[in-house]
Protein backbone atom coordinates (compact mmCIF):
# COMPACT_ATOMS: atom_id res chain seq x y z
CA ALA A 1 -206.02 69.99 89.92
CA GLU A 2 -208.69 67.72 91.39
CA LEU A 3 -205.98 65.46 92.77
CA MET A 4 -204.20 68.30 94.52
CA GLN A 5 -207.46 69.60 95.98
CA LEU A 6 -208.15 66.16 97.44
CA GLY A 7 -204.95 66.22 99.45
CA ARG A 8 -205.10 69.86 100.49
CA SER A 9 -208.70 70.06 101.62
CA ASP A 10 -208.75 66.82 103.58
CA LEU A 11 -205.39 67.27 105.26
CA SER A 12 -206.26 70.82 106.29
CA ASP A 13 -209.50 69.63 107.91
CA PRO A 14 -208.67 67.24 110.73
CA GLY A 15 -212.35 66.43 111.11
CA ALA A 16 -212.84 65.42 107.47
CA SER A 17 -214.85 62.25 107.25
CA SER A 18 -213.20 59.17 105.86
CA GLY A 19 -216.30 58.67 103.71
CA GLY A 20 -215.64 61.99 102.00
CA VAL A 21 -212.05 61.03 101.37
CA GLU A 22 -213.10 57.64 100.03
CA ALA A 23 -215.67 59.22 97.71
CA ARG A 24 -213.12 61.69 96.38
CA THR A 25 -210.59 58.89 95.98
CA ARG A 26 -213.07 56.93 93.88
CA ASP A 27 -213.85 60.05 91.81
CA VAL A 28 -210.18 60.73 91.11
CA GLN A 29 -209.56 57.05 90.32
CA ALA A 30 -212.50 57.11 87.89
CA SER A 31 -211.11 60.26 86.25
CA LEU A 32 -207.69 58.66 85.87
CA THR A 33 -209.29 55.57 84.33
CA ARG A 34 -211.23 57.76 81.88
CA LEU A 35 -208.01 59.59 80.99
CA GLN A 36 -206.32 56.25 80.30
CA GLU A 37 -209.23 55.27 78.07
CA VAL A 38 -208.99 58.57 76.17
CA ASN A 39 -205.25 58.05 75.71
CA ASP A 40 -205.89 54.54 74.40
CA ALA A 41 -208.57 55.83 71.99
CA MET A 42 -206.22 58.57 70.76
CA SER A 43 -203.53 55.98 70.20
CA ARG A 44 -205.89 53.81 68.15
CA ALA A 45 -207.03 56.83 66.13
CA ALA A 46 -203.44 57.92 65.52
CA SER A 47 -202.49 54.51 64.18
CA ALA A 48 -205.33 54.76 61.66
CA ALA A 49 -204.55 58.37 60.68
CA PRO A 50 -202.52 59.37 57.61
CA SER A 51 -198.78 59.42 58.20
CA GLY A 52 -198.37 63.09 57.19
CA ARG A 53 -198.81 64.28 60.76
CA ALA A 54 -197.27 61.23 62.44
CA ALA A 55 -194.48 63.09 64.27
CA THR A 56 -196.83 65.66 65.80
CA THR A 57 -199.37 63.01 66.71
CA LEU A 58 -196.75 60.76 68.32
CA HIS A 59 -195.37 63.69 70.30
CA THR A 60 -198.86 64.60 71.53
CA LEU A 61 -199.61 61.01 72.50
CA GLN A 62 -196.32 60.70 74.36
CA ARG A 63 -197.00 63.93 76.24
CA HIS A 64 -200.47 62.70 77.23
CA ARG A 65 -198.98 59.44 78.50
CA GLU A 66 -196.41 61.37 80.55
CA ILE A 67 -199.11 63.54 82.07
CA LEU A 68 -201.17 60.48 83.00
CA HIS A 69 -198.10 58.88 84.54
CA ASP A 70 -197.44 62.02 86.60
CA PHE A 71 -201.06 62.12 87.75
CA LEU A 72 -200.94 58.45 88.76
CA GLU A 73 -197.75 58.98 90.76
CA GLU A 74 -199.14 62.06 92.48
CA PHE A 75 -202.39 60.25 93.25
CA SER A 76 -200.48 57.38 94.80
CA LYS A 77 -198.40 59.75 96.94
CA THR A 78 -201.47 61.68 98.03
CA LYS A 79 -203.30 58.49 99.03
CA ALA A 80 -200.28 57.40 101.06
CA ASN A 81 -200.08 60.81 102.77
CA LEU A 82 -203.78 60.71 103.61
CA ARG A 83 -203.44 57.19 104.97
CA MET A 84 -200.48 58.25 107.15
CA ALA A 85 -202.37 61.31 108.41
CA ASP A 86 -205.36 59.13 109.28
CA GLU A 87 -203.16 56.63 111.11
CA ARG A 88 -201.47 59.47 113.01
CA GLN A 89 -204.87 60.90 113.97
CA GLN A 90 -206.08 57.49 115.16
CA LEU A 91 -202.94 57.05 117.26
CA LEU A 92 -203.33 60.48 118.86
CA THR A 93 -206.99 59.80 119.60
CA SER A 94 -206.09 56.48 121.18
CA VAL A 95 -203.40 58.07 123.35
CA ARG A 96 -205.79 60.83 124.46
CA GLU A 97 -208.42 58.24 125.38
CA ASP A 98 -205.81 56.25 127.34
CA ILE A 99 -204.77 59.39 129.25
CA VAL A 100 -208.37 60.26 130.11
CA GLU A 101 -209.02 56.69 131.19
CA HIS A 102 -205.89 56.65 133.32
CA ARG A 103 -206.85 59.92 135.05
CA SER A 104 -210.31 58.63 135.96
C-alpha cells in the first residue's frame, strides 16, 4: 500500500519536491529490506521447527517470498515511472524557459 501511495501522490502533484520523493523512496526501500529480513528469520525458524507442520510452513514461506518479489518489482516500476515523469517535467521546463528567452 505504501508503495502505491508513493507513486500516486507524487505523480498527481507536479510540484512535489524531489526531496520528498527521495525520502519516501528510502522509507519504502527500508521497509522492503525489513520484510526480507523477516522472511529470512521465518525461514530459519521454519528449518528448526518440528516437521509436523512442514507443508503449511513451506507454503507460507513461499507465499511471503512471492509477495516480497511482487513488491520489489512494483517498487522498481514505480521508481522508473517517477524518474521518467521528473525527466519529462525537466524537459518541459527547459523548453518553456527557451521560449521565454527567445521572445525577450
